[in-house]
Every structure is written in structure tokens, then in C-alpha cells.
Amino acid sequence: MQTGNLYGQMPAKLSDEVVEILVRGKGMRIERIVSKGHCSPPGFWYDQADDEWVVLLKGEAVLRFERDHRVLHLAEGAYVNIPAHERHRVESTAADTETVWLAVFY
């Protein structure tokens, strides 16, 4: 049995985004991601082999999708399901508070 707290052990300083694998199983993994003012580098697009369902638990973020140039503003509680190879990037995350994501890759 594994237990924890999604808001526990927050890093004091976030010079880099923090990605922590919480659980891994057959064909899936669940990650907690903590950002604070982080974004994707210029010209960088995520192009993942797995589908990703992600929910924003705290903070706010802006995602951009390459195919249709769609911009998605996420507030606490918002989620999105991103199909495999749907190229996307993080345009911004809140600079004044931690942005906590829960990502399920399947």
C-alpha cells in the first residue's frame, strides 16, 4: 500500500519544474508536476507517445496546441485529455503561486 498527499512536500524553491511519478502500472503512470512561472522553452512542443489526461489542482496555466493553434486557459479543477502525438506546449503557469498538476499517462 502506498499513501501520500498531493500538496505535501512542496519544494521550497522551484528553479526547475518538479515531476514526480506517484504510481506506475501496466500501460500507465501518474505524475504530480509542480510549476511556478515555468513554461515550455521557445520552439519546444511536447509530442508524447501516450495519451495524457491532466487536471490542474492548484494555480493556473495556459496550454497551446500546434494543430489548430488553440489556446486553453486552465484554472483550478480544469482538466483536459490530450491524445498521443497531439503537439502542445505550456505557454505559462502562475508566477505567484505553485501550479500543481496531476497527469495520467495511458
PDB file of N, CA and C in Angstrom:
ATOM      1  N   MET A   1       0.841  -1.174   0.000  1.00  0.00           N
ATOM      2  CA  MET A   1       0.000   0.000   0.000  1.00  0.00           C
ATOM      3  C   MET A   1       0.888   1.239   0.000  1.00  0.00           C
ATOM      4  N   GLN A   2       0.487   2.215  -0.796  1.00  0.00           N
ATOM      5  CA  GLN A   2       1.222   3.473  -0.895  1.00  0.00           C
ATOM      6  C   GLN A   2       0.263   4.612  -0.580  1.00  0.00           C
ATOM      7  N   THR A   3       0.684   5.528   0.289  1.00  0.00           N
ATOM      8  CA  THR A   3      -0.140   6.686   0.612  1.00  0.00           C
ATOM      9  C   THR A   3       0.696   7.947   0.467  1.00  0.00           C
ATOM     10  N   GLY A   4       0.049   9.077   0.416  1.00  0.00           N
ATOM     11  CA  GLY A   4       0.755  10.340   0.296  1.00  0.00           C
ATOM     12  C   GLY A   4      -0.223  11.496   0.310  1.00  0.00           C
ATOM     13  N   ASN A   5       0.290  12.675   0.030  1.00  0.00           N
ATOM     14  CA  ASN A   5      -0.529  13.885  -0.017  1.00  0.00           C
ATOM     15  C   ASN A   5      -0.064  14.702  -1.218  1.00  0.00           C
ATOM     16  N   LEU A   6      -0.980  15.007  -2.125  1.00  0.00           N
ATOM     17  CA  LEU A   6      -0.622  15.727  -3.345  1.00  0.00           C
ATOM     18  C   LEU A   6      -0.090  17.124  -3.064  1.00  0.00           C
ATOM     19  N   TYR A   7      -0.432  17.675  -1.901  1.00  0.00           N
ATOM     20  CA  TYR A   7       0.036  19.008  -1.542  1.00  0.00           C
ATOM     21  C   TYR A   7       1.202  18.957  -0.554  1.00  0.00           C
ATOM     22  N   GLY A   8       1.596  17.765  -0.172  1.00  0.00           N
ATOM     23  CA  GLY A   8       2.693  17.603   0.781  1.00  0.00           C
ATOM     24  C   GLY A   8       4.048  17.718   0.107  1.00  0.00           C
ATOM     25  N   GLN A   9       5.046  18.035   0.895  1.00  0.00           N
ATOM     26  CA  GLN A   9       6.433  18.106   0.445  1.00  0.00           C
ATOM     27  C   GLN A   9       6.603  18.960  -0.801  1.00  0.00           C
ATOM     28  N   MET A  10       6.006  20.154  -0.762  1.00  0.00           N
ATOM     29  CA  MET A  10       6.191  21.104  -1.856  1.00  0.00           C
ATOM     30  C   MET A  10       7.612  21.644  -1.791  1.00  0.00           C
ATOM     31  N   PRO A  11       8.287  21.717  -2.915  1.00  0.00           N
ATOM     32  CA  PRO A  11       9.645  22.255  -2.914  1.00  0.00           C
ATOM     33  C   PRO A  11       9.645  23.715  -2.462  1.00  0.00           C
ATOM     34  N   ALA A  12      10.640  24.105  -1.659  1.00  0.00           N
ATOM     35  CA  ALA A  12      10.731  25.478  -1.168  1.00  0.00           C
ATOM     36  C   ALA A  12      11.060  26.436  -2.310  1.00  0.00           C
ATOM     37  N   LYS A  13      11.982  26.037  -3.175  1.00  0.00           N
ATOM     38  CA  LYS A  13      12.345  26.850  -4.338  1.00  0.00           C
ATOM     39  C   LYS A  13      12.138  26.009  -5.587  1.00  0.00           C
ATOM     40  N   LEU A  14      11.661  26.646  -6.611  1.00  0.00           N
ATOM     41  CA  LEU A  14      11.401  25.932  -7.860  1.00  0.00           C
ATOM     42  C   LEU A  14      12.193  26.561  -8.997  1.00  0.00           C
ATOM     43  N   SER A  15      13.480  26.302  -9.038  1.00  0.00           N
ATOM     44  CA  SER A  15      14.260  26.808 -10.161  1.00  0.00           C
ATOM     45  C   SER A  15      13.892  26.043 -11.438  1.00  0.00           C
ATOM     46  N   ASP A  16      13.512  24.777 -11.273  1.00  0.00           N
ATOM     47  CA  ASP A  16      13.019  23.952 -12.376  1.00  0.00           C
ATOM     48  C   ASP A  16      11.678  23.356 -11.979  1.00  0.00           C
ATOM     49  N   GLU A  17      10.880  23.030 -12.962  1.00  0.00           N
ATOM     50  CA  GLU A  17       9.636  22.326 -12.714  1.00  0.00           C
ATOM     51  C   GLU A  17       9.968  20.974 -12.076  1.00  0.00           C
ATOM     52  N   VAL A  18       9.135  20.518 -11.149  1.00  0.00           N
ATOM     53  CA  VAL A  18       9.369  19.253 -10.455  1.00  0.00           C
ATOM     54  C   VAL A  18       8.340  18.227 -10.925  1.00  0.00           C
ATOM     55  N   VAL A  19       8.825  17.088 -11.420  1.00  0.00           N
ATOM     56  CA  VAL A  19       7.963  15.999 -11.884  1.00  0.00           C
ATOM     57  C   VAL A  19       8.252  14.792 -11.011  1.00  0.00           C
ATOM     58  N   GLU A  20       7.194  14.255 -10.412  1.00  0.00           N
ATOM     59  CA  GLU A  20       7.323  13.101  -9.516  1.00  0.00           C
ATOM     60  C   GLU A  20       6.351  12.018  -9.956  1.00  0.00           C
ATOM     61  N   ILE A  21       6.857  10.824 -10.246  1.00  0.00           N
ATOM     62  CA  ILE A  21       5.985   9.701 -10.587  1.00  0.00           C
ATOM     63  C   ILE A  21       5.399   9.152  -9.298  1.00  0.00           C
ATOM     64  N   LEU A  22       4.073   9.194  -9.192  1.00  0.00           N
ATOM     65  CA  LEU A  22       3.390   8.719  -7.984  1.00  0.00           C
ATOM     66  C   LEU A  22       3.109   7.224  -8.047  1.00  0.00           C
ATOM     67  N   VAL A  23       2.742   6.755  -9.230  1.00  0.00           N
ATOM     68  CA  VAL A  23       2.452   5.331  -9.399  1.00  0.00           C
ATOM     69  C   VAL A  23       2.636   4.973 -10.875  1.00  0.00           C
ATOM     70  N   ARG A  24       3.052   3.738 -11.084  1.00  0.00           N
ATOM     71  CA  ARG A  24       3.248   3.237 -12.446  1.00  0.00           C
ATOM     72  C   ARG A  24       2.635   1.848 -12.498  1.00  0.00           C
ATOM     73  N   GLY A  25       1.947   1.542 -13.579  1.00  0.00           N
ATOM     74  CA  GLY A  25       1.329   0.235 -13.741  1.00  0.00           C
ATOM     75  C   GLY A  25       1.348  -0.177 -15.196  1.00  0.00           C
ATOM     76  N   LYS A  26       0.637  -1.227 -15.523  1.00  0.00           N
ATOM     77  CA  LYS A  26       0.597  -1.725 -16.895  1.00  0.00           C
ATOM     78  C   LYS A  26       0.052  -0.651 -17.823  1.00  0.00           C
ATOM     79  N   GLY A  27       0.912  -0.124 -18.656  1.00  0.00           N
ATOM     80  CA  GLY A  27       0.490   0.836 -19.665  1.00  0.00           C
ATOM     81  C   GLY A  27       0.057   2.191 -19.140  1.00  0.00           C
ATOM     82  N   MET A  28       0.385   2.530 -17.893  1.00  0.00           N
ATOM     83  CA  MET A  28       0.005   3.839 -17.362  1.00  0.00           C
ATOM     84  C   MET A  28       0.980   4.310 -16.307  1.00  0.00           C
ATOM     85  N   ARG A  29       0.979   5.633 -16.111  1.00  0.00           N
ATOM     86  CA  ARG A  29       1.714   6.222 -14.995  1.00  0.00           C
ATOM     87  C   ARG A  29       0.993   7.490 -14.585  1.00  0.00           C
ATOM     88  N   ILE A  30       1.118   7.819 -13.307  1.00  0.00           N
ATOM     89  CA  ILE A  30       0.500   9.016 -12.755  1.00  0.00           C
ATOM     90  C   ILE A  30       1.607   9.877 -12.176  1.00  0.00           C
ATOM     91  N   GLU A  31       1.630  11.157 -12.568  1.00  0.00           N
ATOM     92  CA  GLU A  31       2.660  12.081 -12.122  1.00  0.00           C
ATOM     93  C   GLU A  31       2.053  13.287 -11.425  1.00  0.00           C
ATOM     94  N   ARG A  32       2.777  13.790 -10.442  1.00  0.00           N
ATOM     95  CA  ARG A  32       2.478  15.112  -9.881  1.00  0.00           C
ATOM     96  C   ARG A  32       3.543  16.041 -10.444  1.00  0.00           C
ATOM     97  N   ILE A  33       3.092  17.156 -10.995  1.00  0.00           N
ATOM     98  CA  ILE A  33       4.002  18.141 -11.567  1.00  0.00           C
ATOM     99  C   ILE A  33       3.765  19.449 -10.828  1.00  0.00           C
ATOM    100  N   VAL A  34       4.837  20.079 -10.383  1.00  0.00           N
ATOM    101  CA  VAL A  34       4.741  21.361  -9.688  1.00  0.00           C
ATOM    102  C   VAL A  34       5.519  22.399 -10.488  1.00  0.00           C
ATOM    103  N   SER A  35       4.827  23.473 -10.862  1.00  0.00           N
ATOM    104  CA  SER A  35       5.413  24.567 -11.637  1.00  0.00           C
ATOM    105  C   SER A  35       5.208  25.864 -10.874  1.00  0.00           C
ATOM    106  N   LYS A  36       6.030  26.846 -11.158  1.00  0.00           N
ATOM    107  CA  LYS A  36       5.830  28.189 -10.607  1.00  0.00           C
ATOM    108  C   LYS A  36       6.472  29.168 -11.579  1.00  0.00           C
ATOM    109  N   GLY A  37       5.664  29.679 -12.493  1.00  0.00           N
ATOM    110  CA  GLY A  37       6.165  30.590 -13.501  1.00  0.00           C
ATOM    111  C   GLY A  37       6.907  29.890 -14.628  1.00  0.00           C
ATOM    112  N   HIS A  38       6.831  28.561 -14.693  1.00  0.00           N
ATOM    113  CA  HIS A  38       7.536  27.813 -15.725  1.00  0.00           C
ATOM    114  C   HIS A  38       6.704  27.745 -17.007  1.00  0.00           C
ATOM    115  N   CYS A  39       7.395  27.571 -18.117  1.00  0.00           N
ATOM    116  CA  CYS A  39       6.744  27.377 -19.405  1.00  0.00           C
ATOM    117  C   CYS A  39       7.677  26.555 -20.288  1.00  0.00           C
ATOM    118  N   SER A  40       7.156  26.120 -21.418  1.00  0.00           N
ATOM    119  CA  SER A  40       7.984  25.371 -22.365  1.00  0.00           C
ATOM    120  C   SER A  40       9.005  26.311 -22.998  1.00  0.00           C
ATOM    121  N   PRO A  41      10.197  25.811 -23.285  1.00  0.00           N
ATOM    122  CA  PRO A  41      11.198  26.648 -23.960  1.00  0.00           C
ATOM    123  C   PRO A  41      10.689  27.100 -25.333  1.00  0.00           C
ATOM    124  N   PRO A  42      11.178  28.226 -25.825  1.00  0.00           N
ATOM    125  CA  PRO A  42      10.764  28.705 -27.154  1.00  0.00           C
ATOM    126  C   PRO A  42      10.980  27.616 -28.212  1.00  0.00           C
ATOM    127  N   GLY A  43       9.955  27.395 -29.021  1.00  0.00           N
ATOM    128  CA  GLY A  43      10.043  26.421 -30.105  1.00  0.00           C
ATOM    129  C   GLY A  43       9.846  24.976 -29.704  1.00  0.00           C
ATOM    130  N   PHE A  44       9.705  24.685 -28.399  1.00  0.00           N
ATOM    131  CA  PHE A  44       9.557  23.311 -27.926  1.00  0.00           C
ATOM    132  C   PHE A  44       8.086  22.907 -27.910  1.00  0.00           C
ATOM    133  N   TRP A  45       7.797  21.705 -28.412  1.00  0.00           N
ATOM    134  CA  TRP A  45       6.445  21.136 -28.381  1.00  0.00           C
ATOM    135  C   TRP A  45       6.520  19.734 -27.783  1.00  0.00           C
ATOM    136  N   TYR A  46       5.634  19.431 -26.834  1.00  0.00           N
ATOM    137  CA  TYR A  46       5.505  18.056 -26.355  1.00  0.00           C
ATOM    138  C   TYR A  46       4.886  17.240 -27.488  1.00  0.00           C
ATOM    139  N   ASP A  47       5.423  16.058 -27.722  1.00  0.00           N
ATOM    140  CA  ASP A  47       4.898  15.125 -28.724  1.00  0.00           C
ATOM    141  C   ASP A  47       5.019  13.743 -28.100  1.00  0.00           C
ATOM    142  N   GLN A  48       4.054  13.387 -27.287  1.00  0.00           N
ATOM    143  CA  GLN A  48       4.136  12.211 -26.420  1.00  0.00           C
ATOM    144  C   GLN A  48       3.535  10.979 -27.078  1.00  0.00           C
ATOM    145  N   ALA A  49       4.114   9.826 -26.802  1.00  0.00           N
ATOM    146  CA  ALA A  49       3.645   8.555 -27.349  1.00  0.00           C
ATOM    147  C   ALA A  49       2.368   8.069 -26.663  1.00  0.00           C
ATOM    148  N   ASP A  50       2.083   8.579 -25.462  1.00  0.00           N
ATOM    149  CA  ASP A  50       0.913   8.143 -24.695  1.00  0.00           C
ATOM    150  C   ASP A  50      -0.158   9.228 -24.683  1.00  0.00           C
ATOM    151  N   ASP A  51      -1.418   8.796 -24.508  1.00  0.00           N
ATOM    152  CA  ASP A  51      -2.484   9.744 -24.209  1.00  0.00           C
ATOM    153  C   ASP A  51      -2.199  10.311 -22.822  1.00  0.00           C
ATOM    154  N   GLU A  52      -2.633  11.552 -22.584  1.00  0.00           N
ATOM    155  CA  GLU A  52      -2.424  12.191 -21.277  1.00  0.00           C
ATOM    156  C   GLU A  52      -3.713  12.876 -20.834  1.00  0.00           C
ATOM    157  N   TRP A  53      -4.191  12.485 -19.658  1.00  0.00           N
ATOM    158  CA  TRP A  53      -5.294  13.185 -19.006  1.00  0.00           C
ATOM    159  C   TRP A  53      -4.667  13.962 -17.861  1.00  0.00           C
ATOM    160  N   VAL A  54      -4.888  15.279 -17.841  1.00  0.00           N
ATOM    161  CA  VAL A  54      -4.246  16.105 -16.825  1.00  0.00           C
ATOM    162  C   VAL A  54      -5.282  17.026 -16.199  1.00  0.00           C
ATOM    163  N   VAL A  55      -5.194  17.168 -14.873  1.00  0.00           N
ATOM    164  CA  VAL A  55      -6.082  18.067 -14.131  1.00  0.00           C
ATOM    165  C   VAL A  55      -5.209  19.058 -13.369  1.00  0.00           C
ATOM    166  N   LEU A  56      -5.659  20.299 -13.331  1.00  0.00           N
ATOM    167  CA  LEU A  56      -4.956  21.337 -12.595  1.00  0.00           C
ATOM    168  C   LEU A  56      -5.569  21.412 -11.198  1.00  0.00           C
ATOM    169  N   LEU A  57      -4.773  21.054 -10.190  1.00  0.00           N
ATOM    170  CA  LEU A  57      -5.263  21.010  -8.817  1.00  0.00           C
ATOM    171  C   LEU A  57      -5.116  22.349  -8.103  1.00  0.00           C
ATOM    172  N   LYS A  58      -4.126  23.139  -8.516  1.00  0.00           N
ATOM    173  CA  LYS A  58      -3.843  24.414  -7.854  1.00  0.00           C
ATOM    174  C   LYS A  58      -3.149  25.318  -8.860  1.00  0.00           C
ATOM    175  N   GLY A  59      -3.405  26.619  -8.777  1.00  0.00           N
ATOM    176  CA  GLY A  59      -2.740  27.574  -9.652  1.00  0.00           C
ATOM    177  C   GLY A  59      -3.496  27.778 -10.945  1.00  0.00           C
ATOM    178  N   GLU A  60      -2.758  28.159 -11.975  1.00  0.00           N
ATOM    179  CA  GLU A  60      -3.348  28.352 -13.295  1.00  0.00           C
ATOM    180  C   GLU A  60      -2.280  28.145 -14.351  1.00  0.00           C
ATOM    181  N   ALA A  61      -2.731  27.855 -15.575  1.00  0.00           N
ATOM    182  CA  ALA A  61      -1.792  27.583 -16.661  1.00  0.00           C
ATOM    183  C   ALA A  61      -2.464  27.873 -17.995  1.00  0.00           C
ATOM    184  N   VAL A  62      -1.633  28.045 -18.999  1.00  0.00           N
ATOM    185  CA  VAL A  62      -2.104  28.227 -20.371  1.00  0.00           C
ATOM    186  C   VAL A  62      -1.382  27.210 -21.246  1.00  0.00           C
ATOM    187  N   LEU A  63      -2.158  26.411 -21.981  1.00  0.00           N
ATOM    188  CA  LEU A  63      -1.616  25.449 -22.937  1.00  0.00           C
ATOM    189  C   LEU A  63      -1.903  25.940 -24.351  1.00  0.00           C
ATOM    190  N   ARG A  64      -1.011  25.619 -25.270  1.00  0.00           N
ATOM    191  CA  ARG A  64      -1.217  25.933 -26.693  1.00  0.00           C
ATOM    192  C   ARG A  64      -1.061  24.635 -27.480  1.00  0.00           C
ATOM    193  N   PHE A  65      -1.952  24.426 -28.461  1.00  0.00           N
ATOM    194  CA  PHE A  65      -1.927  23.241 -29.303  1.00  0.00           C
ATOM    195  C   PHE A  65      -1.508  23.637 -30.715  1.00  0.00           C
ATOM    196  N   GLU A  66      -0.559  22.896 -31.271  1.00  0.00           N
ATOM    197  CA  GLU A  66       0.016  23.268 -32.559  1.00  0.00           C
ATOM    198  C   GLU A  66      -0.966  23.107 -33.718  1.00  0.00           C
ATOM    199  N   ARG A  67      -1.709  22.012 -33.737  1.00  0.00           N
ATOM    200  CA  ARG A  67      -2.530  21.667 -34.905  1.00  0.00           C
ATOM    201  C   ARG A  67      -3.549  22.743 -35.254  1.00  0.00           C
ATOM    202  N   ASP A  68      -4.279  23.222 -34.268  1.00  0.00           N
ATOM    203  CA  ASP A  68      -5.328  24.206 -34.554  1.00  0.00           C
ATOM    204  C   ASP A  68      -5.060  25.560 -33.895  1.00  0.00           C
ATOM    205  N   HIS A  69      -3.854  25.740 -33.366  1.00  0.00           N
ATOM    206  CA  HIS A  69      -3.436  26.989 -32.713  1.00  0.00           C
ATOM    207  C   HIS A  69      -4.339  27.357 -31.532  1.00  0.00           C
ATOM    208  N   ARG A  70      -5.038  26.365 -30.999  1.00  0.00           N
ATOM    209  CA  ARG A  70      -5.945  26.597 -29.878  1.00  0.00           C
ATOM    210  C   ARG A  70      -5.160  26.917 -28.618  1.00  0.00           C
ATOM    211  N   VAL A  71      -5.663  27.866 -27.855  1.00  0.00           N
ATOM    212  CA  VAL A  71      -5.093  28.224 -26.562  1.00  0.00           C
ATOM    213  C   VAL A  71      -6.115  27.852 -25.504  1.00  0.00           C
ATOM    214  N   LEU A  72      -5.668  27.136 -24.491  1.00  0.00           N
ATOM    215  CA  LEU A  72      -6.555  26.662 -23.435  1.00  0.00           C
ATOM    216  C   LEU A  72      -6.087  27.225 -22.106  1.00  0.00           C
ATOM    217  N   HIS A  73      -6.939  28.021 -21.461  1.00  0.00           N
ATOM    218  CA  HIS A  73      -6.645  28.590 -20.149  1.00  0.00           C
ATOM    219  C   HIS A  73      -7.200  27.635 -19.094  1.00  0.00           C
ATOM    220  N   LEU A  74      -6.345  27.167 -18.195  1.00  0.00           N
ATOM    221  CA  LEU A  74      -6.749  26.228 -17.154  1.00  0.00           C
ATOM    222  C   LEU A  74      -6.724  26.915 -15.795  1.00  0.00           C
ATOM    223  N   ALA A  75      -7.809  26.771 -15.064  1.00  0.00           N
ATOM    224  CA  ALA A  75      -7.902  27.233 -13.681  1.00  0.00           C
ATOM    225  C   ALA A  75      -8.045  25.997 -12.805  1.00  0.00           C
ATOM    226  N   GLU A  76      -8.007  26.195 -11.503  1.00  0.00           N
ATOM    227  CA  GLU A  76      -8.102  25.060 -10.570  1.00  0.00           C
ATOM    228  C   GLU A  76      -9.336  24.224 -10.875  1.00  0.00           C
ATOM    229  N   GLY A  77      -9.125  22.916 -10.975  1.00  0.00           N
ATOM    230  CA  GLY A  77     -10.206  21.975 -11.248  1.00  0.00           C
ATOM    231  C   GLY A  77     -10.388  21.650 -12.715  1.00  0.00           C
ATOM    232  N   ALA A  78      -9.798  22.427 -13.611  1.00  0.00           N
ATOM    233  CA  ALA A  78      -9.942  22.174 -15.048  1.00  0.00           C
ATOM    234  C   ALA A  78      -9.089  20.979 -15.461  1.00  0.00           C
ATOM    235  N   TYR A  79      -9.602  20.216 -16.416  1.00  0.00           N
ATOM    236  CA  TYR A  79      -8.831  19.093 -16.932  1.00  0.00           C
ATOM    237  C   TYR A  79      -8.942  19.029 -18.446  1.00  0.00           C
ATOM    238  N   VAL A  80      -8.017  18.306 -19.036  1.00  0.00           N
ATOM    239  CA  VAL A  80      -8.001  18.121 -20.485  1.00  0.00           C
ATOM    240  C   VAL A  80      -7.430  16.740 -20.779  1.00  0.00           C
ATOM    241  N   ASN A  81      -7.969  16.101 -21.810  1.00  0.00           N
ATOM    242  CA  ASN A  81      -7.449  14.832 -22.283  1.00  0.00           C
ATOM    243  C   ASN A  81      -6.715  15.119 -23.594  1.00  0.00           C
ATOM    244  N   ILE A  82      -5.430  14.831 -23.622  1.00  0.00           N
ATOM    245  CA  ILE A  82      -4.598  15.139 -24.777  1.00  0.00           C
ATOM    246  C   ILE A  82      -4.217  13.824 -25.464  1.00  0.00           C
ATOM    247  N   PRO A  83      -4.687  13.607 -26.686  1.00  0.00           N
ATOM    248  CA  PRO A  83      -4.348  12.364 -27.390  1.00  0.00           C
ATOM    249  C   PRO A  83      -2.849  12.265 -27.665  1.00  0.00           C
ATOM    250  N   ALA A  84      -2.376  11.046 -27.794  1.00  0.00           N
ATOM    251  CA  ALA A  84      -0.972  10.812 -28.140  1.00  0.00           C
ATOM    252  C   ALA A  84      -0.625  11.589 -29.407  1.00  0.00           C
ATOM    253  N   HIS A  85       0.564  12.155 -29.430  1.00  0.00           N
ATOM    254  CA  HIS A  85       1.116  12.908 -30.556  1.00  0.00           C
ATOM    255  C   HIS A  85       0.361  14.192 -30.888  1.00  0.00           C
ATOM    256  N   GLU A  86      -0.494  14.654 -29.988  1.00  0.00           N
ATOM    257  CA  GLU A  86      -1.115  15.975 -30.134  1.00  0.00           C
ATOM    258  C   GLU A  86      -0.098  16.988 -29.612  1.00  0.00           C
ATOM    259  N   ARG A  87       0.607  17.631 -30.532  1.00  0.00           N
ATOM    260  CA  ARG A  87       1.702  18.522 -30.129  1.00  0.00           C
ATOM    261  C   ARG A  87       1.142  19.726 -29.380  1.00  0.00           C
ATOM    262  N   HIS A  88       1.737  19.955 -28.192  1.00  0.00           N
ATOM    263  CA  HIS A  88       1.264  21.036 -27.331  1.00  0.00           C
ATOM    264  C   HIS A  88       2.433  21.576 -26.522  1.00  0.00           C
ATOM    265  N   ARG A  89       2.212  22.715 -25.918  1.00  0.00           N
ATOM    266  CA  ARG A  89       3.241  23.344 -25.092  1.00  0.00           C
ATOM    267  C   ARG A  89       2.573  24.092 -23.952  1.00  0.00           C
ATOM    268  N   VAL A  90       3.352  24.329 -22.900  1.00  0.00           N
ATOM    269  CA  VAL A  90       2.886  25.128 -21.771  1.00  0.00           C
ATOM    270  C   VAL A  90       3.334  26.559 -22.045  1.00  0.00           C
ATOM    271  N   GLU A  91       2.371  27.435 -22.290  1.00  0.00           N
ATOM    272  CA  GLU A  91       2.679  28.840 -22.565  1.00  0.00           C
ATOM    273  C   GLU A  91       3.046  29.578 -21.279  1.00  0.00           C
ATOM    274  N   SER A  92       2.343  29.257 -20.182  1.00  0.00           N
ATOM    275  CA  SER A  92       2.641  29.927 -18.914  1.00  0.00           C
ATOM    276  C   SER A  92       2.010  29.163 -17.761  1.00  0.00           C
ATOM    277  N   THR A  93       2.576  29.382 -16.575  1.00  0.00           N
ATOM    278  CA  THR A  93       1.966  28.948 -15.314  1.00  0.00           C
ATOM    279  C   THR A  93       2.044  30.128 -14.355  1.00  0.00           C
ATOM    280  N   ALA A  94       1.225  30.096 -13.320  1.00  0.00           N
ATOM    281  CA  ALA A  94       1.171  31.193 -12.349  1.00  0.00           C
ATOM    282  C   ALA A  94       2.568  31.456 -11.778  1.00  0.00           C
ATOM    283  N   ALA A  95       2.937  32.721 -11.710  1.00  0.00           N
ATOM    284  CA  ALA A  95       4.261  33.087 -11.186  1.00  0.00           C
ATOM    285  C   ALA A  95       4.247  33.329  -9.689  1.00  0.00           C
ATOM    286  N   ASP A  96       3.071  33.600  -9.134  1.00  0.00           N
ATOM    287  CA  ASP A  96       2.990  33.988  -7.724  1.00  0.00           C
ATOM    288  C   ASP A  96       2.589  32.853  -6.790  1.00  0.00           C
ATOM    289  N   THR A  97       2.269  31.682  -7.354  1.00  0.00           N
ATOM    290  CA  THR A  97       1.902  30.523  -6.533  1.00  0.00           C
ATOM    291  C   THR A  97       2.264  29.250  -7.290  1.00  0.00           C
ATOM    292  N   GLU A  98       2.362  28.149  -6.574  1.00  0.00           N
ATOM    293  CA  GLU A  98       2.647  26.881  -7.233  1.00  0.00           C
ATOM    294  C   GLU A  98       1.448  26.477  -8.088  1.00  0.00           C
ATOM    295  N   THR A  99       1.751  25.918  -9.238  1.00  0.00           N
ATOM    296  CA  THR A  99       0.744  25.275 -10.069  1.00  0.00           C
ATOM    297  C   THR A  99       0.975  23.779  -9.912  1.00  0.00           C
ATOM    298  N   VAL A 100      -0.044  23.075  -9.442  1.00  0.00           N
ATOM    299  CA  VAL A 100       0.073  21.641  -9.189  1.00  0.00           C
ATOM    300  C   VAL A 100      -0.808  20.900 -10.190  1.00  0.00           C
ATOM    301  N   TRP A 101      -0.173  20.045 -10.978  1.00  0.00           N
ATOM    302  CA  TRP A 101      -0.847  19.236 -11.984  1.00  0.00           C
ATOM    303  C   TRP A 101      -0.870  17.786 -11.528  1.00  0.00           C
ATOM    304  N   LEU A 102      -1.900  17.055 -11.904  1.00  0.00           N
ATOM    305  CA  LEU A 102      -1.925  15.604 -11.765  1.00  0.00           C
ATOM    306  C   LEU A 102      -2.116  15.065 -13.181  1.00  0.00           C
ATOM    307  N   ALA A 103      -1.120  14.347 -13.672  1.00  0.00           N
ATOM    308  CA  ALA A 103      -1.140  13.851 -15.047  1.00  0.00           C
ATOM    309  C   ALA A 103      -1.193  12.329 -15.058  1.00  0.00           C
ATOM    310  N   VAL A 104      -2.129  11.801 -15.840  1.00  0.00           N
ATOM    311  CA  VAL A 104      -2.277  10.365 -16.006  1.00  0.00           C
ATOM    312  C   VAL A 104      -1.939  10.039 -17.464  1.00  0.00           C
ATOM    313  N   PHE A 105      -0.882   9.267 -17.665  1.00  0.00           N
ATOM    314  CA  PHE A 105      -0.467   8.847 -18.996  1.00  0.00           C
ATOM    315  C   PHE A 105      -0.929   7.408 -19.188  1.00  0.00           C
ATOM    316  N   TYR A 106      -1.588   7.150 -20.312  1.00  0.00           N
ATOM    317  CA  TYR A 106      -2.131   5.807 -20.550  1.00  0.00           C
ATOM    318  C   TYR A 106      -2.071   5.443 -22.021  1.00  0.00           C
TER     319      TYR A 106
END
